[in-house]
Amino acid sequence: MLNEYLQTLPLIAILRGVTQHEIEPIGQALYDAGFRIMEVPLNSPEPLESIVRLDRLLGDKCLIGAGTVTRVQQVRDVAHAGGKLIVSPHGDPRVIQSTKAAGLVSAPGVATPTEAFAALNAGADVLKMFPAEQLGPKVIKAWRAVLPPEVALLPVGGITPDNMQAFVDAGAGGFGLGSALYKPGMSAEEVGRNARAFADAWQALKR
């Protein structure tokens, strides 16, 4: 399931701060721009309701889930809301294992090779390299030499359409996109323009 979405466009929309009242037009704008993976961080207003609405709108076409998942109970809550993706800022094995036990996709955050291998041993599907500003392309290149080649490395933090090239050249397989894509208060039209800029930049990298 995950690989299908990554192959289409390996960019995760991080909608931190989005509200349940705006999630559907923003989700539609992202979908129209080519995005197929979206997460609502759990420190957003009424995040589970936003996930319910986004899943109802796009759940048969996209991988929808939650970010900033730090506890096992939250995994259960997200699954109950219809989410299928669990993204964390850290690599807690208990969260990863409960995610996989629930049949969901696990994308934990890691910042060292030790954390990366521990997350993979716990069942992680992909690795969120966080924060990308601190790690940088040189770290990705070093990790790529030792991690299984089939495991996607997805830097998150400070990614823009203009700085993706260096990360991809180093071995990044995609990205998680936050404030450069969406900030609270943005209209669906603004988010759509930002999404198209990211999608166009990714396609240009792969030519």
Protein backbone atom coordinates (compact mmCIF):
# COMPACT_ATOMS: atom_id res chain seq x y z
CA MET A 1 0.00 0.00 0.00
CA LEU A 2 2.65 2.52 1.03
CA ASN A 3 4.91 1.90 -1.96
CA GLU A 4 2.07 2.64 -4.36
CA TYR A 5 1.60 6.10 -2.86
CA LEU A 6 5.32 6.78 -2.66
CA GLN A 7 5.72 5.93 -6.32
CA THR A 8 2.94 8.32 -7.29
CA LEU A 9 4.42 11.27 -5.37
CA PRO A 10 6.59 10.65 -2.28
CA LEU A 11 5.65 13.90 -0.55
CA ILE A 12 3.73 13.88 2.74
CA ALA A 13 1.53 16.88 3.46
CA ILE A 14 1.84 17.83 7.15
CA LEU A 15 -1.26 19.86 8.03
CA ARG A 16 -0.32 21.10 11.49
CA GLY A 17 -2.98 23.42 12.86
CA VAL A 18 -5.64 22.64 10.26
CA THR A 19 -9.24 22.72 11.50
CA GLN A 20 -12.07 20.34 10.80
CA HIS A 21 -13.95 23.12 9.01
CA GLU A 22 -11.25 23.64 6.37
CA ILE A 23 -9.76 20.17 6.03
CA GLU A 24 -11.91 19.08 3.09
CA PRO A 25 -11.15 21.95 0.67
CA ILE A 26 -7.48 21.84 1.64
CA GLY A 27 -7.37 18.08 1.19
CA GLN A 28 -9.01 18.40 -2.21
CA ALA A 29 -6.51 21.09 -3.26
CA LEU A 30 -3.64 18.81 -2.26
CA TYR A 31 -5.16 15.88 -4.13
CA ASP A 32 -5.66 17.98 -7.25
CA ALA A 33 -1.98 18.95 -7.10
CA GLY A 34 -0.95 15.28 -7.04
CA PHE A 35 -0.49 14.62 -3.31
CA ARG A 36 -1.57 11.19 -2.12
CA ILE A 37 -0.20 11.11 1.46
CA MET A 38 -1.56 13.48 4.12
CA GLU A 39 -1.23 13.67 7.89
CA VAL A 40 -3.02 15.72 10.51
CA PRO A 41 -0.75 16.21 13.54
CA LEU A 42 -2.50 15.38 16.79
CA ASN A 43 -1.63 18.78 18.27
CA SER A 44 -4.01 20.38 15.75
CA PRO A 45 -7.56 21.45 16.75
CA GLU A 46 -9.92 18.42 16.82
CA PRO A 47 -7.46 16.30 14.81
CA LEU A 48 -9.46 13.08 14.89
CA GLU A 49 -12.51 14.79 13.42
CA SER A 50 -10.32 16.22 10.67
CA ILE A 51 -9.00 12.72 9.95
CA VAL A 52 -12.57 11.37 9.81
CA ARG A 53 -13.56 14.04 7.29
CA LEU A 54 -10.40 13.69 5.20
CA ASP A 55 -10.78 9.92 5.13
CA ARG A 56 -14.40 10.26 4.07
CA LEU A 57 -13.35 12.57 1.23
CA LEU A 58 -10.17 10.89 0.00
CA GLY A 59 -9.62 7.70 1.97
CA ASP A 60 -10.15 5.45 -1.04
CA LYS A 61 -7.60 7.43 -3.07
CA CYS A 62 -5.00 8.56 -0.52
CA LEU A 63 -3.04 7.42 2.51
CA ILE A 64 -4.52 9.48 5.35
CA GLY A 65 -3.31 9.51 8.93
CA ALA A 66 -1.92 11.39 11.89
CA GLY A 67 1.34 13.01 12.89
CA THR A 68 2.89 13.78 16.27
CA VAL A 69 1.68 10.40 17.54
CA THR A 70 3.56 9.73 20.77
CA ARG A 71 1.45 7.17 22.67
CA VAL A 72 -0.03 3.75 22.01
CA GLN A 73 -3.56 4.91 22.84
CA GLN A 74 -3.29 7.58 20.16
CA VAL A 75 -2.59 4.87 17.58
CA ARG A 76 -5.87 3.22 18.53
CA ASP A 77 -7.70 6.55 18.36
CA VAL A 78 -6.35 7.29 14.88
CA ALA A 79 -7.27 3.82 13.63
CA HIS A 80 -10.80 4.29 15.00
CA ALA A 81 -11.04 7.59 13.09
CA GLY A 82 -10.13 5.83 9.84
CA GLY A 83 -6.47 6.83 9.68
CA LYS A 84 -4.02 4.39 8.11
CA LEU A 85 -0.73 6.24 8.62
CA ILE A 86 1.06 6.90 11.92
CA VAL A 87 3.86 9.47 11.90
CA SER A 88 5.83 10.19 15.07
CA PRO A 89 8.55 12.68 16.02
CA HIS A 90 10.45 9.83 17.66
CA GLY A 91 11.09 6.10 17.30
CA ASP A 92 9.27 4.59 20.29
CA PRO A 93 9.16 0.81 19.60
CA ARG A 94 5.85 0.51 21.48
CA VAL A 95 4.18 3.00 19.14
CA ILE A 96 5.68 1.31 16.08
CA GLN A 97 4.64 -2.16 17.20
CA SER A 98 1.10 -1.08 18.04
CA THR A 99 0.87 0.64 14.67
CA LYS A 100 1.80 -2.53 12.83
CA ALA A 101 -0.44 -4.66 15.06
CA ALA A 102 -3.34 -2.43 13.99
CA GLY A 103 -2.46 -2.92 10.32
CA LEU A 104 -1.35 0.68 9.82
CA VAL A 105 1.69 2.25 8.13
CA SER A 106 4.49 3.28 10.50
CA ALA A 107 6.70 6.32 9.82
CA PRO A 108 8.67 7.08 13.00
CA GLY A 109 11.10 9.94 13.40
CA VAL A 110 14.77 9.06 13.85
CA ALA A 111 17.93 11.15 14.18
CA THR A 112 20.74 8.56 14.55
CA PRO A 113 21.65 5.23 12.90
CA THR A 114 20.97 3.47 16.22
CA GLU A 115 17.44 4.89 16.29
CA ALA A 116 16.98 4.03 12.61
CA PHE A 117 17.86 0.35 13.03
CA ALA A 118 15.84 0.08 16.25
CA ALA A 119 12.80 1.50 14.45
CA LEU A 120 13.22 -0.93 11.55
CA ASN A 121 13.57 -3.84 13.97
CA ALA A 122 10.30 -2.76 15.59
CA GLY A 123 8.57 -2.85 12.20
CA ALA A 124 8.81 0.67 10.75
CA ASP A 125 7.85 0.95 7.07
CA VAL A 126 9.76 4.16 6.31
CA LEU A 127 12.02 6.45 8.31
CA LYS A 128 11.26 10.09 8.94
CA MET A 129 14.62 11.86 9.30
CA PHE A 130 13.91 14.64 11.77
CA PRO A 131 14.93 17.39 11.99
CA ALA A 132 16.27 17.59 8.44
CA GLU A 133 17.86 21.00 9.07
CA GLN A 134 20.12 19.42 11.70
CA LEU A 135 20.89 16.20 9.82
CA GLY A 136 21.43 17.48 6.29
CA PRO A 137 22.36 15.70 3.05
CA LYS A 138 25.74 14.48 4.31
CA VAL A 139 24.08 12.49 7.06
CA ILE A 140 21.57 11.01 4.62
CA LYS A 141 24.42 9.89 2.35
CA ALA A 142 26.17 8.20 5.29
CA TRP A 143 22.99 6.46 6.42
CA ARG A 144 22.21 5.34 2.89
CA ALA A 145 25.47 3.38 2.84
CA VAL A 146 24.39 1.16 5.75
CA LEU A 147 20.59 1.05 5.79
CA PRO A 148 18.63 -1.43 3.64
CA PRO A 149 18.28 0.09 0.16
CA GLU A 150 14.55 -0.60 0.02
CA VAL A 151 13.86 1.59 3.09
CA ALA A 152 12.77 5.09 2.12
CA LEU A 153 14.40 7.98 4.00
CA LEU A 154 12.04 10.94 4.26
CA PRO A 155 13.62 14.16 5.61
CA VAL A 156 11.24 16.45 7.48
CA GLY A 157 11.91 20.00 8.63
CA GLY A 158 12.82 23.06 6.60
CA ILE A 159 12.23 21.45 3.20
CA THR A 160 11.40 23.79 0.32
CA PRO A 161 11.12 23.29 -3.45
CA ASP A 162 14.55 24.91 -3.79
CA ASN A 163 16.54 22.67 -1.42
CA MET A 164 15.21 19.22 -2.29
CA GLN A 165 17.87 18.46 -4.90
CA ALA A 166 20.77 18.05 -2.45
CA PHE A 167 18.74 15.70 -0.25
CA VAL A 168 17.64 13.56 -3.22
CA ASP A 169 21.21 13.40 -4.54
CA ALA A 170 22.26 12.10 -1.12
CA GLY A 171 19.62 9.36 -1.13
CA ALA A 172 16.35 10.81 0.17
CA GLY A 173 13.32 8.97 -1.17
CA GLY A 174 10.80 11.71 -0.52
CA PHE A 175 9.91 14.36 2.03
CA GLY A 176 7.51 15.44 4.72
CA LEU A 177 6.39 19.02 4.08
CA GLY A 178 5.24 21.36 6.81
CA SER A 179 5.08 25.14 6.98
CA ALA A 180 6.37 25.71 3.45
CA LEU A 181 3.30 23.84 2.24
CA TYR A 182 0.66 24.71 4.82
CA LYS A 183 0.36 27.16 7.69
CA PRO A 184 -2.78 27.82 9.73
CA GLY A 185 -4.87 30.46 8.06
CA MET A 186 -3.87 29.64 4.51
CA SER A 187 -6.68 29.28 2.02
CA ALA A 188 -7.15 26.14 -0.02
CA GLU A 189 -6.04 28.10 -3.07
CA GLU A 190 -2.75 29.05 -1.39
CA VAL A 191 -2.14 25.49 -0.29
CA GLY A 192 -2.87 24.29 -3.81
CA ARG A 193 -0.31 26.69 -5.28
CA ASN A 194 2.31 25.58 -2.77
CA ALA A 195 1.51 21.93 -3.42
CA ARG A 196 1.88 22.34 -7.17
CA ALA A 197 5.26 24.04 -6.66
CA PHE A 198 6.48 21.08 -4.60
CA ALA A 199 5.06 18.51 -7.03
CA ASP A 200 6.61 20.29 -10.01
CA ALA A 201 9.97 20.50 -8.22
CA TRP A 202 9.91 16.79 -7.45
CA GLN A 203 9.06 15.86 -11.03
CA ALA A 204 11.88 18.10 -12.27
CA LEU A 205 14.33 16.28 -10.00
CA LYS A 206 13.37 12.90 -11.47
CA ARG A 207 13.79 13.83 -15.13
